[in-house]
PDB file of N, CA and C in Angstrom:
ATOM      1  N   MET A   1     -33.944   5.632  16.109  1.00  0.00           N
ATOM      2  CA  MET A   1     -32.774   4.801  16.003  1.00  0.00           C
ATOM      3  C   MET A   1     -32.145   4.882  14.613  1.00  0.00           C
ATOM      4  N   LYS A   2     -32.934   5.188  13.627  1.00  0.00           N
ATOM      5  CA  LYS A   2     -32.411   5.202  12.269  1.00  0.00           C
ATOM      6  C   LYS A   2     -31.344   6.283  12.110  1.00  0.00           C
ATOM      7  N   GLY A   3     -31.533   7.457  12.666  1.00  0.00           N
ATOM      8  CA  GLY A   3     -30.555   8.533  12.568  1.00  0.00           C
ATOM      9  C   GLY A   3     -29.279   8.237  13.330  1.00  0.00           C
ATOM     10  N   ARG A   4     -29.389   7.461  14.369  1.00  0.00           N
ATOM     11  CA  ARG A   4     -28.213   7.151  15.179  1.00  0.00           C
ATOM     12  C   ARG A   4     -27.280   6.153  14.476  1.00  0.00           C
ATOM     13  N   ASP A   5     -27.806   5.248  13.695  1.00  0.00           N
ATOM     14  CA  ASP A   5     -26.979   4.248  13.024  1.00  0.00           C
ATOM     15  C   ASP A   5     -26.132   4.848  11.905  1.00  0.00           C
ATOM     16  N   ALA A   6     -26.623   5.875  11.255  1.00  0.00           N
ATOM     17  CA  ALA A   6     -25.922   6.434  10.110  1.00  0.00           C
ATOM     18  C   ALA A   6     -24.545   7.016  10.466  1.00  0.00           C
ATOM     19  N   PRO A   7     -24.391   7.839  11.527  1.00  0.00           N
ATOM     20  CA  PRO A   7     -23.054   8.352  11.841  1.00  0.00           C
ATOM     21  C   PRO A   7     -22.079   7.247  12.255  1.00  0.00           C
ATOM     22  N   ASP A   8     -22.546   6.266  12.975  1.00  0.00           N
ATOM     23  CA  ASP A   8     -21.671   5.167  13.382  1.00  0.00           C
ATOM     24  C   ASP A   8     -21.192   4.394  12.165  1.00  0.00           C
ATOM     25  N   ARG A   9     -22.049   4.206  11.233  1.00  0.00           N
ATOM     26  CA  ARG A   9     -21.693   3.467  10.019  1.00  0.00           C
ATOM     27  C   ARG A   9     -20.670   4.248   9.202  1.00  0.00           C
ATOM     28  N   ALA A  10     -20.864   5.547   9.045  1.00  0.00           N
ATOM     29  CA  ALA A  10     -19.928   6.368   8.283  1.00  0.00           C
ATOM     30  C   ALA A  10     -18.569   6.415   8.986  1.00  0.00           C
ATOM     31  N   TYR A  11     -18.571   6.458  10.287  1.00  0.00           N
ATOM     32  CA  TYR A  11     -17.322   6.471  11.043  1.00  0.00           C
ATOM     33  C   TYR A  11     -16.556   5.170  10.834  1.00  0.00           C
ATOM     34  N   GLY A  12     -17.248   4.063  10.844  1.00  0.00           N
ATOM     35  CA  GLY A  12     -16.612   2.770  10.630  1.00  0.00           C
ATOM     36  C   GLY A  12     -16.111   2.587   9.216  1.00  0.00           C
ATOM     37  N   GLU A  13     -16.821   3.094   8.248  1.00  0.00           N
ATOM     38  CA  GLU A  13     -16.405   2.963   6.852  1.00  0.00           C
ATOM     39  C   GLU A  13     -15.174   3.808   6.548  1.00  0.00           C
ATOM     40  N   GLY A  14     -14.963   4.883   7.264  1.00  0.00           N
ATOM     41  CA  GLY A  14     -13.794   5.729   7.046  1.00  0.00           C
ATOM     42  C   GLY A  14     -12.494   5.040   7.394  1.00  0.00           C
ATOM     43  N   TRP A  15     -12.541   4.124   8.331  1.00  0.00           N
ATOM     44  CA  TRP A  15     -11.326   3.422   8.735  1.00  0.00           C
ATOM     45  C   TRP A  15     -10.795   2.511   7.641  1.00  0.00           C
ATOM     46  N   VAL A  16     -11.638   2.127   6.714  1.00  0.00           N
ATOM     47  CA  VAL A  16     -11.180   1.322   5.581  1.00  0.00           C
ATOM     48  C   VAL A  16     -10.137   2.109   4.787  1.00  0.00           C
ATOM     49  N   TYR A  17     -10.393   3.389   4.575  1.00  0.00           N
ATOM     50  CA  TYR A  17      -9.464   4.217   3.816  1.00  0.00           C
ATOM     51  C   TYR A  17      -8.172   4.463   4.581  1.00  0.00           C
ATOM     52  N   VAL A  18      -8.267   4.537   5.887  1.00  0.00           N
ATOM     53  CA  VAL A  18      -7.062   4.663   6.706  1.00  0.00           C
ATOM     54  C   VAL A  18      -6.210   3.412   6.555  1.00  0.00           C
ATOM     55  N   SER A  19      -6.836   2.251   6.587  1.00  0.00           N
ATOM     56  CA  SER A  19      -6.084   1.006   6.431  1.00  0.00           C
ATOM     57  C   SER A  19      -5.475   0.906   5.038  1.00  0.00           C
ATOM     58  N   TYR A  20      -6.147   1.413   4.027  1.00  0.00           N
ATOM     59  CA  TYR A  20      -5.572   1.428   2.675  1.00  0.00           C
ATOM     60  C   TYR A  20      -4.311   2.295   2.640  1.00  0.00           C
ATOM     61  N   GLY A  21      -4.365   3.440   3.269  1.00  0.00           N
ATOM     62  CA  GLY A  21      -3.199   4.328   3.304  1.00  0.00           C
ATOM     63  C   GLY A  21      -2.024   3.712   4.038  1.00  0.00           C
ATOM     64  N   ILE A  22      -2.306   3.066   5.153  1.00  0.00           N
ATOM     65  CA  ILE A  22      -1.241   2.412   5.913  1.00  0.00           C
ATOM     66  C   ILE A  22      -0.640   1.271   5.096  1.00  0.00           C
ATOM     67  N   THR A  23      -1.477   0.478   4.462  1.00  0.00           N
ATOM     68  CA  THR A  23      -0.988  -0.624   3.632  1.00  0.00           C
ATOM     69  C   THR A  23      -0.145  -0.096   2.478  1.00  0.00           C
ATOM     70  N   PHE A  24      -0.576   0.996   1.871  1.00  0.00           N
ATOM     71  CA  PHE A  24       0.166   1.629   0.775  1.00  0.00           C
ATOM     72  C   PHE A  24       1.560   2.042   1.238  1.00  0.00           C
ATOM     73  N   ALA A  25       1.628   2.706   2.388  1.00  0.00           N
ATOM     74  CA  ALA A  25       2.910   3.187   2.913  1.00  0.00           C
ATOM     75  C   ALA A  25       3.827   2.042   3.336  1.00  0.00           C
ATOM     76  N   VAL A  26       3.271   1.034   3.976  1.00  0.00           N
ATOM     77  CA  VAL A  26       4.078  -0.098   4.432  1.00  0.00           C
ATOM     78  C   VAL A  26       4.640  -0.870   3.246  1.00  0.00           C
ATOM     79  N   ALA A  27       3.838  -1.062   2.213  1.00  0.00           N
ATOM     80  CA  ALA A  27       4.316  -1.793   1.034  1.00  0.00           C
ATOM     81  C   ALA A  27       5.476  -1.062   0.366  1.00  0.00           C
ATOM     82  N   ILE A  28       5.371   0.238   0.198  1.00  0.00           N
ATOM     83  CA  ILE A  28       6.460   1.006  -0.404  1.00  0.00           C
ATOM     84  C   ILE A  28       7.707   0.932   0.474  1.00  0.00           C
ATOM     85  N   SER A  29       7.525   1.036   1.781  1.00  0.00           N
ATOM     86  CA  SER A  29       8.662   0.958   2.702  1.00  0.00           C
ATOM     87  C   SER A  29       9.351  -0.398   2.629  1.00  0.00           C
ATOM     88  N   LEU A  30       8.579  -1.465   2.555  1.00  0.00           N
ATOM     89  CA  LEU A  30       9.175  -2.799   2.475  1.00  0.00           C
ATOM     90  C   LEU A  30       9.943  -2.997   1.171  1.00  0.00           C
ATOM     91  N   PHE A  31       9.391  -2.506   0.077  1.00  0.00           N
ATOM     92  CA  PHE A  31      10.104  -2.588  -1.197  1.00  0.00           C
ATOM     93  C   PHE A  31      11.403  -1.791  -1.122  1.00  0.00           C
ATOM     94  N   ALA A  32      11.360  -0.597  -0.537  1.00  0.00           N
ATOM     95  CA  ALA A  32      12.562   0.235  -0.423  1.00  0.00           C
ATOM     96  C   ALA A  32      13.611  -0.444   0.456  1.00  0.00           C
ATOM     97  N   LEU A  33      13.186  -1.022   1.569  1.00  0.00           N
ATOM     98  CA  LEU A  33      14.124  -1.730   2.436  1.00  0.00           C
ATOM     99  C   LEU A  33      14.723  -2.944   1.740  1.00  0.00           C
ATOM    100  N   GLY A  34      13.925  -3.622   0.933  1.00  0.00           N
ATOM    101  CA  GLY A  34      14.451  -4.723   0.130  1.00  0.00           C
ATOM    102  C   GLY A  34      15.504  -4.236  -0.848  1.00  0.00           C
ATOM    103  N   GLY A  35      15.295  -3.068  -1.420  1.00  0.00           N
ATOM    104  CA  GLY A  35      16.280  -2.485  -2.326  1.00  0.00           C
ATOM    105  C   GLY A  35      17.568  -2.116  -1.614  1.00  0.00           C
ATOM    106  N   VAL A  36      17.459  -1.577  -0.408  1.00  0.00           N
ATOM    107  CA  VAL A  36      18.650  -1.260   0.383  1.00  0.00           C
ATOM    108  C   VAL A  36      19.418  -2.537   0.702  1.00  0.00           C
ATOM    109  N   TRP A  37      18.702  -3.581   1.058  1.00  0.00           N
ATOM    110  CA  TRP A  37      19.349  -4.857   1.357  1.00  0.00           C
ATOM    111  C   TRP A  37      20.093  -5.396   0.133  1.00  0.00           C
ATOM    112  N   LEU A  38      19.434  -5.341  -1.030  1.00  0.00           N
ATOM    113  CA  LEU A  38      20.092  -5.800  -2.259  1.00  0.00           C
ATOM    114  C   LEU A  38      21.328  -4.955  -2.574  1.00  0.00           C
ATOM    115  N   ASP A  39      21.231  -3.637  -2.385  1.00  0.00           N
ATOM    116  CA  ASP A  39      22.373  -2.761  -2.646  1.00  0.00           C
ATOM    117  C   ASP A  39      23.547  -3.079  -1.726  1.00  0.00           C
ATOM    118  N   ARG A  40      23.266  -3.317  -0.475  1.00  0.00           N
ATOM    119  CA  ARG A  40      24.343  -3.652   0.458  1.00  0.00           C
ATOM    120  C   ARG A  40      24.956  -5.008   0.128  1.00  0.00           C
ATOM    121  N   ARG A  41      24.134  -5.906  -0.314  1.00  0.00           N
ATOM    122  CA  ARG A  41      24.625  -7.255  -0.635  1.00  0.00           C
ATOM    123  C   ARG A  41      25.507  -7.252  -1.886  1.00  0.00           C
ATOM    124  N   PHE A  42      25.119  -6.496  -2.908  1.00  0.00           N
ATOM    125  CA  PHE A  42      25.843  -6.492  -4.177  1.00  0.00           C
ATOM    126  C   PHE A  42      26.758  -5.277  -4.367  1.00  0.00           C
ATOM    127  N   GLY A  43      26.706  -4.304  -3.461  1.00  0.00           N
ATOM    128  CA  GLY A  43      27.584  -3.133  -3.550  1.00  0.00           C
ATOM    129  C   GLY A  43      27.206  -2.146  -4.632  1.00  0.00           C
ATOM    130  N   THR A  44      25.942  -2.053  -4.960  1.00  0.00           N
ATOM    131  CA  THR A  44      25.461  -1.116  -5.988  1.00  0.00           C
ATOM    132  C   THR A  44      24.505  -0.119  -5.339  1.00  0.00           C
ATOM    133  N   MET A  45      25.019   0.688  -4.415  1.00  0.00           N
ATOM    134  CA  MET A  45      24.191   1.432  -3.475  1.00  0.00           C
ATOM    135  C   MET A  45      22.930   2.109  -4.016  1.00  0.00           C
ATOM    136  N   PRO A  46      22.925   2.999  -4.953  1.00  0.00           N
ATOM    137  CA  PRO A  46      21.631   3.621  -5.238  1.00  0.00           C
ATOM    138  C   PRO A  46      20.742   2.841  -6.200  1.00  0.00           C
ATOM    139  N   LEU A  47      21.294   1.899  -6.915  1.00  0.00           N
ATOM    140  CA  LEU A  47      20.559   1.254  -8.005  1.00  0.00           C
ATOM    141  C   LEU A  47      19.315   0.515  -7.525  1.00  0.00           C
ATOM    142  N   TRP A  48      19.465  -0.496  -6.710  1.00  0.00           N
ATOM    143  CA  TRP A  48      18.328  -1.325  -6.315  1.00  0.00           C
ATOM    144  C   TRP A  48      17.364  -0.596  -5.387  1.00  0.00           C
ATOM    145  N   THR A  49      17.873   0.343  -4.615  1.00  0.00           N
ATOM    146  CA  THR A  49      16.970   1.123  -3.760  1.00  0.00           C
ATOM    147  C   THR A  49      15.988   1.918  -4.607  1.00  0.00           C
ATOM    148  N   VAL A  50      16.490   2.559  -5.641  1.00  0.00           N
ATOM    149  CA  VAL A  50      15.621   3.348  -6.527  1.00  0.00           C
ATOM    150  C   VAL A  50      14.675   2.433  -7.301  1.00  0.00           C
ATOM    151  N   VAL A  51      15.214   1.351  -7.849  1.00  0.00           N
ATOM    152  CA  VAL A  51      14.393   0.441  -8.656  1.00  0.00           C
ATOM    153  C   VAL A  51      13.280  -0.174  -7.807  1.00  0.00           C
ATOM    154  N   MET A  52      13.637  -0.654  -6.624  1.00  0.00           N
ATOM    155  CA  MET A  52      12.636  -1.304  -5.770  1.00  0.00           C
ATOM    156  C   MET A  52      11.618  -0.294  -5.224  1.00  0.00           C
ATOM    157  N   THR A  53      12.061   0.920  -4.910  1.00  0.00           N
ATOM    158  CA  THR A  53      11.120   1.937  -4.437  1.00  0.00           C
ATOM    159  C   THR A  53      10.111   2.287  -5.532  1.00  0.00           C
ATOM    160  N   LEU A  54      10.597   2.486  -6.746  1.00  0.00           N
ATOM    161  CA  LEU A  54       9.679   2.770  -7.857  1.00  0.00           C
ATOM    162  C   LEU A  54       8.763   1.581  -8.132  1.00  0.00           C
ATOM    163  N   GLY A  55       9.308   0.383  -8.042  1.00  0.00           N
ATOM    164  CA  GLY A  55       8.478  -0.817  -8.216  1.00  0.00           C
ATOM    165  C   GLY A  55       7.419  -0.926  -7.137  1.00  0.00           C
ATOM    166  N   GLY A  56       7.794  -0.613  -5.911  1.00  0.00           N
ATOM    167  CA  GLY A  56       6.822  -0.633  -4.808  1.00  0.00           C
ATOM    168  C   GLY A  56       5.738   0.410  -4.981  1.00  0.00           C
ATOM    169  N   MET A  57       6.124   1.576  -5.491  1.00  0.00           N
ATOM    170  CA  MET A  57       5.132   2.615  -5.743  1.00  0.00           C
ATOM    171  C   MET A  57       4.164   2.181  -6.836  1.00  0.00           C
ATOM    172  N   GLY A  58       4.699   1.557  -7.888  1.00  0.00           N
ATOM    173  CA  GLY A  58       3.835   1.087  -8.967  1.00  0.00           C
ATOM    174  C   GLY A  58       2.890  -0.005  -8.509  1.00  0.00           C
ATOM    175  N   TYR A  59       3.438  -0.990  -7.807  1.00  0.00           N
ATOM    176  CA  TYR A  59       2.608  -2.092  -7.312  1.00  0.00           C
ATOM    177  C   TYR A  59       1.555  -1.592  -6.326  1.00  0.00           C
ATOM    178  N   SER A  60       1.973  -0.749  -5.378  1.00  0.00           N
ATOM    179  CA  SER A  60       1.035  -0.236  -4.378  1.00  0.00           C
ATOM    180  C   SER A  60      -0.023   0.660  -5.009  1.00  0.00           C
ATOM    181  N   GLY A  61       0.379   1.456  -5.997  1.00  0.00           N
ATOM    182  CA  GLY A  61      -0.590   2.306  -6.690  1.00  0.00           C
ATOM    183  C   GLY A  61      -1.620   1.479  -7.435  1.00  0.00           C
ATOM    184  N   PHE A  62      -1.157   0.423  -8.112  1.00  0.00           N
ATOM    185  CA  PHE A  62      -2.084  -0.468  -8.806  1.00  0.00           C
ATOM    186  C   PHE A  62      -3.034  -1.134  -7.814  1.00  0.00           C
ATOM    187  N   TRP A  63      -2.493  -1.596  -6.698  1.00  0.00           N
ATOM    188  CA  TRP A  63      -3.307  -2.244  -5.674  1.00  0.00           C
ATOM    189  C   TRP A  63      -4.354  -1.270  -5.124  1.00  0.00           C
ATOM    190  N   LEU A  64      -3.913  -0.033  -4.823  1.00  0.00           N
ATOM    191  CA  LEU A  64      -4.823   0.959  -4.247  1.00  0.00           C
ATOM    192  C   LEU A  64      -5.929   1.336  -5.224  1.00  0.00           C
ATOM    193  N   ILE A  65      -5.588   1.562  -6.472  1.00  0.00           N
ATOM    194  CA  ILE A  65      -6.606   1.904  -7.475  1.00  0.00           C
ATOM    195  C   ILE A  65      -7.605   0.767  -7.625  1.00  0.00           C
ATOM    196  N   ASN A  66      -7.108  -0.462  -7.634  1.00  0.00           N
ATOM    197  CA  ASN A  66      -7.985  -1.625  -7.745  1.00  0.00           C
ATOM    198  C   ASN A  66      -8.940  -1.706  -6.551  1.00  0.00           C
ATOM    199  N   ARG A  67      -8.446  -1.454  -5.362  1.00  0.00           N
ATOM    200  CA  ARG A  67      -9.297  -1.485  -4.170  1.00  0.00           C
ATOM    201  C   ARG A  67     -10.329  -0.362  -4.179  1.00  0.00           C
ATOM    202  N   LEU A  68      -9.915   0.831  -4.579  1.00  0.00           N
ATOM    203  CA  LEU A  68     -10.843   1.956  -4.567  1.00  0.00           C
ATOM    204  C   LEU A  68     -11.932   1.810  -5.628  1.00  0.00           C
ATOM    205  N   LYS A  69     -11.639   1.115  -6.706  1.00  0.00           N
ATOM    206  CA  LYS A  69     -12.666   0.851  -7.719  1.00  0.00           C
ATOM    207  C   LYS A  69     -13.631  -0.234  -7.274  1.00  0.00           C
ATOM    208  N   GLY A  70     -13.290  -0.933  -6.213  1.00  0.00           N
ATOM    209  CA  GLY A  70     -14.197  -1.968  -5.704  1.00  0.00           C
ATOM    210  C   GLY A  70     -13.786  -3.362  -6.062  1.00  0.00           C
ATOM    211  N   GLY A  71     -12.746  -3.524  -6.834  1.00  0.00           N
ATOM    212  CA  GLY A  71     -12.293  -4.864  -7.198  1.00  0.00           C
ATOM    213  C   GLY A  71     -11.399  -5.444  -6.123  1.00  0.00           C
ATOM    214  N   LYS A  72     -11.456  -6.724  -5.981  1.00  0.00           N
ATOM    215  CA  LYS A  72     -10.598  -7.406  -5.041  1.00  0.00           C
ATOM    216  C   LYS A  72      -9.781  -8.421  -5.802  1.00  0.00           C
ATOM    217  N   PRO A  73      -8.451  -8.251  -5.817  1.00  0.00           N
ATOM    218  CA  PRO A  73      -7.631  -9.213  -6.543  1.00  0.00           C
ATOM    219  C   PRO A  73      -7.761 -10.599  -5.933  1.00  0.00           C
ATOM    220  N   GLU A  74      -7.926 -11.580  -6.782  1.00  0.00           N
ATOM    221  CA  GLU A  74      -8.100 -12.930  -6.303  1.00  0.00           C
ATOM    222  C   GLU A  74      -6.769 -13.675  -6.347  1.00  0.00           C
ATOM    223  N   ALA A  75      -6.524 -14.453  -5.324  1.00  0.00           N
ATOM    224  CA  ALA A  75      -5.320 -15.291  -5.303  1.00  0.00           C
ATOM    225  C   ALA A  75      -5.582 -16.536  -6.131  1.00  0.00           C
ATOM    226  N   LYS A  76      -4.672 -16.825  -7.033  1.00  0.00           N
ATOM    227  CA  LYS A  76      -4.857 -18.001  -7.883  1.00  0.00           C
ATOM    228  C   LYS A  76      -3.841 -19.050  -7.573  1.00  0.00           C
TER     229      LYS A  76
END
């Protein structure tokens, strides 16, 4: 039984990284969509889309690095 548990465990642990990737992509997309919304609202088409996309990439990258190092950000 010991050999059988190991592959199942590794398979389950891999999905954590898939969820990290999905969260990374969704966060960047939401920031970009927020930038498009701001641009349409204020009439400054490329400005806020670029700023928010870069901000989303920075925030998501920081979040991903923190998760991969094993730290969990605490809500205060």
